[in-house]
C-alpha atoms as a PDB file:
ATOM      1  CA  UNK A   1       4.500   0.087   1.120  1.00  0.00           C
ATOM      2  CA  UNK A   2       1.099  -1.588   1.747  1.00  0.00           C
ATOM      3  CA  UNK A   3      -0.378   1.858   2.088  1.00  0.00           C
ATOM      4  CA  UNK A   4       1.063   2.859  -1.317  1.00  0.00           C
ATOM      5  CA  UNK A   5      -0.470  -0.286  -2.892  1.00  0.00           C
ATOM      6  CA  UNK A   6      -3.801   0.530  -1.333  1.00  0.00           C
ATOM      7  CA  UNK A   7      -3.808   4.053  -2.683  1.00  0.00           C
ATOM      8  CA  UNK A   8      -3.093   2.714  -6.216  1.00  0.00           C
ATOM      9  CA  UNK A   9      -5.950   0.302  -5.796  1.00  0.00           C
ATOM     10  CA  UNK A  10      -8.297   3.070  -4.652  1.00  0.00           C
ATOM     11  CA  UNK A  11      -7.217   5.275  -7.608  1.00  0.00           C
ATOM     12  CA  UNK A  12      -7.748   2.393 -10.075  1.00  0.00           C
ATOM     13  CA  UNK A  13     -11.299   1.781  -8.604  1.00  0.00           C
ATOM     14  CA  UNK A  14     -12.119   5.516  -8.840  1.00  0.00           C
ATOM     15  CA  UNK A  15     -10.942   5.746 -12.465  1.00  0.00           C
ATOM     16  CA  UNK A  16     -13.090   2.742 -13.397  1.00  0.00           C
ATOM     17  CA  UNK A  17     -16.376   4.031 -12.073  1.00  0.00           C
ATOM     18  CA  UNK A  18     -16.542   3.318  -8.321  1.00  0.00           C
ATOM     19  CA  UNK A  19     -18.004   6.601  -6.874  1.00  0.00           C
ATOM     20  CA  UNK A  20     -17.115   8.319  -3.669  1.00  0.00           C
ATOM     21  CA  UNK A  21     -20.782   8.810  -2.899  1.00  0.00           C
ATOM     22  CA  UNK A  22     -21.585   5.143  -2.757  1.00  0.00           C
ATOM     23  CA  UNK A  23     -22.438   4.050   0.756  1.00  0.00           C
ATOM     24  CA  UNK A  24     -22.358   0.712   2.542  1.00  0.00           C
ATOM     25  CA  UNK A  25     -25.217  -0.625   4.717  1.00  0.00           C
ATOM     26  CA  UNK A  26     -24.154   1.764   7.557  1.00  0.00           C
ATOM     27  CA  UNK A  27     -24.107   4.756   5.284  1.00  0.00           C
ATOM     28  CA  UNK A  28     -20.351   4.920   5.264  1.00  0.00           C
ATOM     29  CA  UNK A  29     -18.890   6.385   2.026  1.00  0.00           C
ATOM     30  CA  UNK A  30     -15.229   5.888   0.988  1.00  0.00           C
ATOM     31  CA  UNK A  31     -14.771   9.334   2.442  1.00  0.00           C
ATOM     32  CA  UNK A  32     -16.001   8.206   5.896  1.00  0.00           C
ATOM     33  CA  UNK A  33     -13.429   5.403   5.856  1.00  0.00           C
ATOM     34  CA  UNK A  34     -10.573   7.632   4.711  1.00  0.00           C
ATOM     35  CA  UNK A  35     -11.631  10.157   7.410  1.00  0.00           C
ATOM     36  CA  UNK A  36     -11.338   7.420  10.033  1.00  0.00           C
ATOM     37  CA  UNK A  37      -7.999   6.057   9.030  1.00  0.00           C
ATOM     38  CA  UNK A  38      -6.341   9.283   8.111  1.00  0.00           C
ATOM     39  CA  UNK A  39      -4.237   7.873   5.295  1.00  0.00           C
ATOM     40  CA  UNK A  40      -2.792  10.154   2.619  1.00  0.00           C
ATOM     41  CA  UNK A  41      -5.513   9.284   0.225  1.00  0.00           C
ATOM     42  CA  UNK A  42      -7.915  12.198   0.747  1.00  0.00           C
ATOM     43  CA  UNK A  43      -5.928  14.431  -1.543  1.00  0.00           C
ATOM     44  CA  UNK A  44      -5.747  11.685  -4.131  1.00  0.00           C
ATOM     45  CA  UNK A  45      -9.499  10.961  -3.850  1.00  0.00           C
ATOM     46  CA  UNK A  46     -10.322  14.535  -4.516  1.00  0.00           C
ATOM     47  CA  UNK A  47      -7.691  14.905  -7.310  1.00  0.00           C
ATOM     48  CA  UNK A  48      -9.108  11.972  -9.206  1.00  0.00           C
ATOM     49  CA  UNK A  49     -12.630  13.127  -8.613  1.00  0.00           C
ATOM     50  CA  UNK A  50     -11.758  16.539  -9.925  1.00  0.00           C
ATOM     51  CA  UNK A  51     -10.174  14.975 -13.054  1.00  0.00           C
ATOM     52  CA  UNK A  52     -13.339  13.008 -13.703  1.00  0.00           C
ATOM     53  CA  UNK A  53     -15.517  16.057 -12.975  1.00  0.00           C
ATOM     54  CA  UNK A  54     -17.561  14.276 -10.302  1.00  0.00           C
ATOM     55  CA  UNK A  55     -19.137  15.796  -7.245  1.00  0.00           C
ATOM     56  CA  UNK A  56     -18.258  14.500  -3.743  1.00  0.00           C
ATOM     57  CA  UNK A  57     -20.693  14.793  -0.854  1.00  0.00           C
ATOM     58  CA  UNK A  58     -18.238  15.874   1.823  1.00  0.00           C
ATOM     59  CA  UNK A  59     -21.154  16.160   4.254  1.00  0.00           C
ATOM     60  CA  UNK A  60     -22.628  12.691   3.615  1.00  0.00           C
ATOM     61  CA  UNK A  61     -24.067  11.300   6.848  1.00  0.00           C
ATOM     62  CA  UNK A  62     -23.880   7.628   7.939  1.00  0.00           C
ATOM     63  CA  UNK A  63     -26.904   6.019   9.599  1.00  0.00           C
ATOM     64  CA  UNK A  64     -25.949   7.688  12.910  1.00  0.00           C
ATOM     65  CA  UNK A  65     -25.885  11.093  11.342  1.00  0.00           C
ATOM     66  CA  UNK A  66     -22.066  11.361  11.447  1.00  0.00           C
ATOM     67  CA  UNK A  67     -20.132  13.134   8.697  1.00  0.00           C
ATOM     68  CA  UNK A  68     -16.638  12.518   7.612  1.00  0.00           C
ATOM     69  CA  UNK A  69     -15.583  15.731   9.322  1.00  0.00           C
ATOM     70  CA  UNK A  70     -16.783  14.237  12.625  1.00  0.00           C
ATOM     71  CA  UNK A  71     -14.889  11.044  12.046  1.00  0.00           C
ATOM     72  CA  UNK A  72     -11.695  13.012  11.220  1.00  0.00           C
ATOM     73  CA  UNK A  73     -11.963  15.095  14.469  1.00  0.00           C
ATOM     74  CA  UNK A  74     -12.844  12.021  16.590  1.00  0.00           C
ATOM     75  CA  UNK A  75      -9.823  10.114  15.302  1.00  0.00           C
ATOM     76  CA  UNK A  76      -7.380  13.163  15.614  1.00  0.00           C
ATOM     77  CA  UNK A  77      -6.723  13.451  11.898  1.00  0.00           C
ATOM     78  CA  UNK A  78      -5.965  17.181  11.470  1.00  0.00           C
ATOM     79  CA  UNK A  79      -4.733  16.804   7.871  1.00  0.00           C
ATOM     80  CA  UNK A  80      -8.030  15.220   6.887  1.00  0.00           C
ATOM     81  CA  UNK A  81      -9.924  17.942   8.775  1.00  0.00           C
ATOM     82  CA  UNK A  82      -8.132  20.534   6.706  1.00  0.00           C
ATOM     83  CA  UNK A  83      -8.851  18.746   3.388  1.00  0.00           C
ATOM     84  CA  UNK A  84     -12.498  18.428   4.225  1.00  0.00           C
ATOM     85  CA  UNK A  85     -12.856  22.077   5.286  1.00  0.00           C
ATOM     86  CA  UNK A  86     -10.969  23.120   2.115  1.00  0.00           C
ATOM     87  CA  UNK A  87     -13.622  21.196   0.172  1.00  0.00           C
ATOM     88  CA  UNK A  88     -16.521  22.852   1.886  1.00  0.00           C
ATOM     89  CA  UNK A  89     -17.364  20.599   4.800  1.00  0.00           C
ATOM     90  CA  UNK A  90     -20.065  22.086   7.099  1.00  0.00           C
ATOM     91  CA  UNK A  91     -18.802  23.027  10.534  1.00  0.00           C
ATOM     92  CA  UNK A  92     -22.284  23.006  11.964  1.00  0.00           C
ATOM     93  CA  UNK A  93     -22.686  19.538  13.354  1.00  0.00           C
ATOM     94  CA  UNK A  94     -25.568  18.902  15.601  1.00  0.00           C
ATOM     95  CA  UNK A  95     -25.471  15.347  16.770  1.00  0.00           C
ATOM     96  CA  UNK A  96     -23.262  14.004  19.607  1.00  0.00           C
ATOM     97  CA  UNK A  97     -20.574  11.529  18.578  1.00  0.00           C
END
């Protein structure tokens, strides 16, 4: 139930101008956080982004050079890995996690 509430809040934020490419002080974008937690929001994030005709940087790197795909693999989130690959995430990752 809390997760459903969180998804609605995230959707509200996205629809009101909060972008998926904004990063915090560590370079983490909302996509990094979703990749780490593995909640069902990745599909919703991309759905809303597509509706708003916004681009998402699926290969955005944090300050350690880690991409959302790496976070998804490291946290054993196969559904998120599939979503990122479907959205064009680059498989060529050169840094060590």
